[in-house]
Amino acid sequence: MRRLLDGLYGLAAWAAALCMIGTLVMILLSVGGRLLGFHVRGTDAYAGYFMAAAAFLALAHTLKRGEHIRVTLVMDHAGRRGRHALDLWSHLAGTGLAAVLAWFSARLVWQSWTFNDISQGTDATPLWIPQVAMAVGASVLAVAMVDDLAGLLSGRRLRAAKEEPVRSE
């Protein structure tokens, strides 16, 4: 099961990387078109779609690598039992929020598909297409949060968060 979940997080990260490349291609196409005197419709919209997809698809992988921003000011002074209680509360809240985000993202895709909703730009893209990446990314994040919560409840040590700098210069 561990390999399957890690593979899912890795696959989502690779998809996010490909979306970043898609953003680059759209921007280069737009700039190149301006320089060479041609226009490709929808490059701005597609660059935005790719960027949003990259952000959502990378969420789970970022969480599993301990790269999400974490405020530890209170946790550092809470003691062992207090730290565990705060960790449990934050994982419960994060899991709940990720599940709600996944549910409403999937619902948005369904509604956009049902109502044949299209973008207002010149590209007239059916909106469910770029919204799928958001729903998939939010769902994979929800799975990752449940995975972390299960690990915390079972006593399995979660990955260590990156050391925060003591001071910045």
C-alpha atoms as a PDB file:
ATOM      1  CA  MET A   1       0.000   0.000   0.000  1.00  0.00           C
ATOM      2  CA  ARG A   2       2.872   2.366   0.841  1.00  0.00           C
ATOM      3  CA  ARG A   3       4.380   1.978  -2.639  1.00  0.00           C
ATOM      4  CA  LEU A   4       0.997   2.585  -4.256  1.00  0.00           C
ATOM      5  CA  LEU A   5       0.414   5.785  -2.291  1.00  0.00           C
ATOM      6  CA  ASP A   6       3.947   7.078  -2.858  1.00  0.00           C
ATOM      7  CA  GLY A   7       3.516   6.293  -6.553  1.00  0.00           C
ATOM      8  CA  LEU A   8       0.271   8.274  -6.603  1.00  0.00           C
ATOM      9  CA  TYR A   9       1.959  11.283  -4.993  1.00  0.00           C
ATOM     10  CA  GLY A  10       4.880  11.001  -7.396  1.00  0.00           C
ATOM     11  CA  LEU A  11       2.594  10.722 -10.406  1.00  0.00           C
ATOM     12  CA  ALA A  12       0.736  13.859  -9.345  1.00  0.00           C
ATOM     13  CA  ALA A  13       4.074  15.658  -8.934  1.00  0.00           C
ATOM     14  CA  TRP A  14       5.144  14.626 -12.428  1.00  0.00           C
ATOM     15  CA  ALA A  15       1.831  15.848 -13.815  1.00  0.00           C
ATOM     16  CA  ALA A  16       2.414  19.164 -12.005  1.00  0.00           C
ATOM     17  CA  ALA A  17       5.865  19.407 -13.588  1.00  0.00           C
ATOM     18  CA  LEU A  18       4.380  18.786 -17.036  1.00  0.00           C
ATOM     19  CA  CYS A  19       1.821  21.513 -16.362  1.00  0.00           C
ATOM     20  CA  MET A  20       4.646  23.905 -15.511  1.00  0.00           C
ATOM     21  CA  ILE A  21       6.208  23.049 -18.863  1.00  0.00           C
ATOM     22  CA  GLY A  22       2.807  23.687 -20.449  1.00  0.00           C
ATOM     23  CA  THR A  23       2.752  27.125 -18.800  1.00  0.00           C
ATOM     24  CA  LEU A  24       6.200  27.855 -20.212  1.00  0.00           C
ATOM     25  CA  VAL A  25       5.158  26.733 -23.704  1.00  0.00           C
ATOM     26  CA  MET A  26       2.048  28.928 -23.629  1.00  0.00           C
ATOM     27  CA  ILE A  27       4.032  31.968 -22.506  1.00  0.00           C
ATOM     28  CA  LEU A  28       6.746  31.384 -25.100  1.00  0.00           C
ATOM     29  CA  LEU A  29       4.103  30.914 -27.788  1.00  0.00           C
ATOM     30  CA  SER A  30       2.448  34.173 -26.800  1.00  0.00           C
ATOM     31  CA  VAL A  31       5.718  36.132 -26.707  1.00  0.00           C
ATOM     32  CA  GLY A  32       7.011  34.506 -29.883  1.00  0.00           C
ATOM     33  CA  GLY A  33       3.730  35.224 -31.625  1.00  0.00           C
ATOM     34  CA  ARG A  34       3.960  38.901 -30.732  1.00  0.00           C
ATOM     35  CA  LEU A  35       7.536  39.098 -31.995  1.00  0.00           C
ATOM     36  CA  LEU A  36       6.778  37.262 -35.242  1.00  0.00           C
ATOM     37  CA  GLY A  37       3.418  38.905 -35.914  1.00  0.00           C
ATOM     38  CA  PHE A  38       0.929  36.093 -35.310  1.00  0.00           C
ATOM     39  CA  HIS A  39      -1.585  35.444 -32.557  1.00  0.00           C
ATOM     40  CA  VAL A  40      -2.581  32.145 -31.009  1.00  0.00           C
ATOM     41  CA  ARG A  41      -5.953  32.415 -29.300  1.00  0.00           C
ATOM     42  CA  GLY A  42      -6.223  31.425 -25.679  1.00  0.00           C
ATOM     43  CA  THR A  43      -2.534  31.289 -24.746  1.00  0.00           C
ATOM     44  CA  ASP A  44      -3.096  33.505 -21.700  1.00  0.00           C
ATOM     45  CA  ALA A  45      -6.034  31.398 -20.532  1.00  0.00           C
ATOM     46  CA  TYR A  46      -4.178  28.127 -21.071  1.00  0.00           C
ATOM     47  CA  ALA A  47      -1.119  29.433 -19.234  1.00  0.00           C
ATOM     48  CA  GLY A  48      -3.417  30.170 -16.290  1.00  0.00           C
ATOM     49  CA  TYR A  49      -5.083  26.762 -16.513  1.00  0.00           C
ATOM     50  CA  PHE A  50      -1.693  25.022 -16.535  1.00  0.00           C
ATOM     51  CA  MET A  51      -0.462  27.115 -13.608  1.00  0.00           C
ATOM     52  CA  ALA A  52      -3.535  26.317 -11.486  1.00  0.00           C
ATOM     53  CA  ALA A  53      -3.271  22.637 -12.397  1.00  0.00           C
ATOM     54  CA  ALA A  54       0.401  22.593 -11.397  1.00  0.00           C
ATOM     55  CA  ALA A  55      -0.378  24.176  -8.034  1.00  0.00           C
ATOM     56  CA  PHE A  56      -3.131  21.700  -7.156  1.00  0.00           C
ATOM     57  CA  LEU A  57      -1.369  18.611  -8.487  1.00  0.00           C
ATOM     58  CA  ALA A  58       1.767  19.383  -6.464  1.00  0.00           C
ATOM     59  CA  LEU A  59      -0.026  19.746  -3.102  1.00  0.00           C
ATOM     60  CA  ALA A  60       0.174  16.117  -1.952  1.00  0.00           C
ATOM     61  CA  HIS A  61       3.796  15.626  -2.967  1.00  0.00           C
ATOM     62  CA  THR A  62       4.736  18.859  -1.217  1.00  0.00           C
ATOM     63  CA  LEU A  63       2.915  17.724   1.937  1.00  0.00           C
ATOM     64  CA  LYS A  64       4.608  14.326   1.959  1.00  0.00           C
ATOM     65  CA  ARG A  65       8.056  15.926   1.605  1.00  0.00           C
ATOM     66  CA  GLY A  66       7.426  18.258   4.550  1.00  0.00           C
ATOM     67  CA  GLU A  67       7.599  21.364   2.378  1.00  0.00           C
ATOM     68  CA  HIS A  68       4.301  23.003   3.356  1.00  0.00           C
ATOM     69  CA  ILE A  69       4.638  26.072   5.534  1.00  0.00           C
ATOM     70  CA  ARG A  70       4.219  25.104   9.146  1.00  0.00           C
ATOM     71  CA  VAL A  71       3.967  27.521  12.028  1.00  0.00           C
ATOM     72  CA  THR A  72       5.778  25.906  14.927  1.00  0.00           C
ATOM     73  CA  LEU A  73       5.928  28.791  17.381  1.00  0.00           C
ATOM     74  CA  VAL A  74       3.287  27.303  19.696  1.00  0.00           C
ATOM     75  CA  MET A  75       4.244  23.662  19.059  1.00  0.00           C
ATOM     76  CA  ASP A  76       7.861  24.260  20.086  1.00  0.00           C
ATOM     77  CA  HIS A  77       6.729  25.357  23.549  1.00  0.00           C
ATOM     78  CA  ALA A  78       3.864  22.892  24.052  1.00  0.00           C
ATOM     79  CA  GLY A  79       5.773  19.942  25.437  1.00  0.00           C
ATOM     80  CA  ARG A  80       5.528  16.367  24.173  1.00  0.00           C
ATOM     81  CA  ARG A  81       1.853  15.726  25.000  1.00  0.00           C
ATOM     82  CA  GLY A  82       0.764  19.188  23.916  1.00  0.00           C
ATOM     83  CA  ARG A  83       2.691  18.865  20.676  1.00  0.00           C
ATOM     84  CA  HIS A  84       0.986  15.536  19.950  1.00  0.00           C
ATOM     85  CA  ALA A  85      -2.447  17.045  20.687  1.00  0.00           C
ATOM     86  CA  LEU A  86      -1.747  20.032  18.420  1.00  0.00           C
ATOM     87  CA  ASP A  87      -0.400  17.743  15.727  1.00  0.00           C
ATOM     88  CA  LEU A  88      -3.516  15.574  15.955  1.00  0.00           C
ATOM     89  CA  TRP A  89      -5.813  18.598  15.833  1.00  0.00           C
ATOM     90  CA  SER A  90      -4.001  20.071  12.826  1.00  0.00           C
ATOM     91  CA  HIS A  91      -4.144  16.755  10.961  1.00  0.00           C
ATOM     92  CA  LEU A  92      -7.846  16.332  11.709  1.00  0.00           C
ATOM     93  CA  ALA A  93      -8.587  19.884  10.564  1.00  0.00           C
ATOM     94  CA  GLY A  94      -6.378  19.521   7.480  1.00  0.00           C
ATOM     95  CA  THR A  95      -7.970  16.219   6.533  1.00  0.00           C
ATOM     96  CA  GLY A  96     -11.443  17.690   6.902  1.00  0.00           C
ATOM     97  CA  LEU A  97     -10.584  20.773   4.851  1.00  0.00           C
ATOM     98  CA  ALA A  98      -8.873  18.717   2.147  1.00  0.00           C
ATOM     99  CA  ALA A  99     -11.897  16.399   1.932  1.00  0.00           C
ATOM    100  CA  VAL A 100     -14.264  19.368   1.619  1.00  0.00           C
ATOM    101  CA  LEU A 101     -12.037  20.931  -1.051  1.00  0.00           C
ATOM    102  CA  ALA A 102     -11.937  17.636  -2.977  1.00  0.00           C
ATOM    103  CA  TRP A 103     -15.715  17.190  -2.740  1.00  0.00           C
ATOM    104  CA  PHE A 104     -16.562  20.689  -3.934  1.00  0.00           C
ATOM    105  CA  SER A 105     -13.897  20.605  -6.651  1.00  0.00           C
ATOM    106  CA  ALA A 106     -15.358  17.384  -8.036  1.00  0.00           C
ATOM    107  CA  ARG A 107     -18.838  18.865  -7.758  1.00  0.00           C
ATOM    108  CA  LEU A 108     -17.701  21.951  -9.684  1.00  0.00           C
ATOM    109  CA  VAL A 109     -16.358  19.743 -12.488  1.00  0.00           C
ATOM    110  CA  TRP A 110     -19.655  17.859 -12.610  1.00  0.00           C
ATOM    111  CA  GLN A 111     -21.696  21.073 -12.717  1.00  0.00           C
ATOM    112  CA  SER A 112     -19.515  22.618 -15.411  1.00  0.00           C
ATOM    113  CA  TRP A 113     -19.884  19.486 -17.499  1.00  0.00           C
ATOM    114  CA  THR A 114     -23.643  19.248 -16.909  1.00  0.00           C
ATOM    115  CA  PHE A 115     -24.279  22.904 -17.783  1.00  0.00           C
ATOM    116  CA  ASN A 116     -21.789  22.930 -20.691  1.00  0.00           C
ATOM    117  CA  ASP A 117     -20.029  25.875 -19.069  1.00  0.00           C
ATOM    118  CA  ILE A 118     -17.325  27.415 -21.263  1.00  0.00           C
ATOM    119  CA  SER A 119     -14.660  30.032 -20.584  1.00  0.00           C
ATOM    120  CA  GLN A 120     -15.434  33.647 -21.367  1.00  0.00           C
ATOM    121  CA  GLY A 121     -12.199  34.113 -23.307  1.00  0.00           C
ATOM    122  CA  THR A 122     -11.619  33.753 -27.023  1.00  0.00           C
ATOM    123  CA  ASP A 123     -10.645  30.108 -26.563  1.00  0.00           C
ATOM    124  CA  ALA A 124     -14.170  29.033 -25.411  1.00  0.00           C
ATOM    125  CA  THR A 125     -12.766  26.027 -23.557  1.00  0.00           C
ATOM    126  CA  PRO A 126     -15.248  23.802 -21.709  1.00  0.00           C
ATOM    127  CA  LEU A 127     -14.397  24.671 -18.111  1.00  0.00           C
ATOM    128  CA  TRP A 128     -14.648  21.129 -16.809  1.00  0.00           C
ATOM    129  CA  ILE A 129     -11.405  20.283 -18.625  1.00  0.00           C
ATOM    130  CA  PRO A 130      -9.072  22.570 -16.624  1.00  0.00           C
ATOM    131  CA  GLN A 131     -11.154  22.013 -13.479  1.00  0.00           C
ATOM    132  CA  VAL A 132     -10.424  18.275 -13.554  1.00  0.00           C
ATOM    133  CA  ALA A 133      -6.809  18.938 -12.575  1.00  0.00           C
ATOM    134  CA  MET A 134      -7.972  20.931  -9.561  1.00  0.00           C
ATOM    135  CA  ALA A 135     -10.322  18.144  -8.483  1.00  0.00           C
ATOM    136  CA  VAL A 136      -7.666  15.454  -8.972  1.00  0.00           C
ATOM    137  CA  GLY A 137      -5.048  17.476  -7.082  1.00  0.00           C
ATOM    138  CA  ALA A 138      -7.450  18.180  -4.208  1.00  0.00           C
ATOM    139  CA  SER A 139      -8.442  14.508  -4.057  1.00  0.00           C
ATOM    140  CA  VAL A 140      -4.833  13.327  -3.964  1.00  0.00           C
ATOM    141  CA  LEU A 141      -4.175  15.885  -1.200  1.00  0.00           C
ATOM    142  CA  ALA A 142      -7.131  14.474   0.760  1.00  0.00           C
ATOM    143  CA  VAL A 143      -5.687  10.968   0.382  1.00  0.00           C
ATOM    144  CA  ALA A 144      -2.286  12.239   1.565  1.00  0.00           C
ATOM    145  CA  MET A 145      -3.880  13.920   4.587  1.00  0.00           C
ATOM    146  CA  VAL A 146      -5.729  10.720   5.506  1.00  0.00           C
ATOM    147  CA  ASP A 147      -2.448   8.845   5.056  1.00  0.00           C
ATOM    148  CA  ASP A 148      -0.652  11.226   7.431  1.00  0.00           C
ATOM    149  CA  LEU A 149      -3.522  11.136   9.927  1.00  0.00           C
ATOM    150  CA  ALA A 150      -3.518   7.330   9.915  1.00  0.00           C
ATOM    151  CA  GLY A 151       0.228   7.359  10.465  1.00  0.00           C
ATOM    152  CA  LEU A 152      -0.104   9.776  13.356  1.00  0.00           C
ATOM    153  CA  LEU A 153      -2.879   7.722  14.977  1.00  0.00           C
ATOM    154  CA  SER A 154      -0.955   4.465  14.584  1.00  0.00           C
ATOM    155  CA  GLY A 155       2.181   5.956  16.109  1.00  0.00           C
ATOM    156  CA  ARG A 156       4.170   5.728  12.893  1.00  0.00           C
ATOM    157  CA  ARG A 157       6.702   8.520  12.701  1.00  0.00           C
ATOM    158  CA  LEU A 158       5.801  11.005  10.005  1.00  0.00           C
ATOM    159  CA  ARG A 159       8.487  12.533   7.851  1.00  0.00           C
ATOM    160  CA  ALA A 160      10.430  15.204   9.633  1.00  0.00           C
ATOM    161  CA  ALA A 161       9.673  18.732   8.564  1.00  0.00           C
ATOM    162  CA  LYS A 162      12.609  20.679   7.217  1.00  0.00           C
ATOM    163  CA  GLU A 163      14.627  22.494   9.814  1.00  0.00           C
ATOM    164  CA  GLU A 164      13.462  26.045  10.011  1.00  0.00           C
ATOM    165  CA  PRO A 165      16.198  28.656   9.987  1.00  0.00           C
ATOM    166  CA  VAL A 166      16.902  30.115  13.402  1.00  0.00           C
ATOM    167  CA  ARG A 167      17.343  33.545  11.887  1.00  0.00           C
ATOM    168  CA  SER A 168      17.302  34.973   8.417  1.00  0.00           C
ATOM    169  CA  GLU A 169      19.799  37.422   7.125  1.00  0.00           C
END
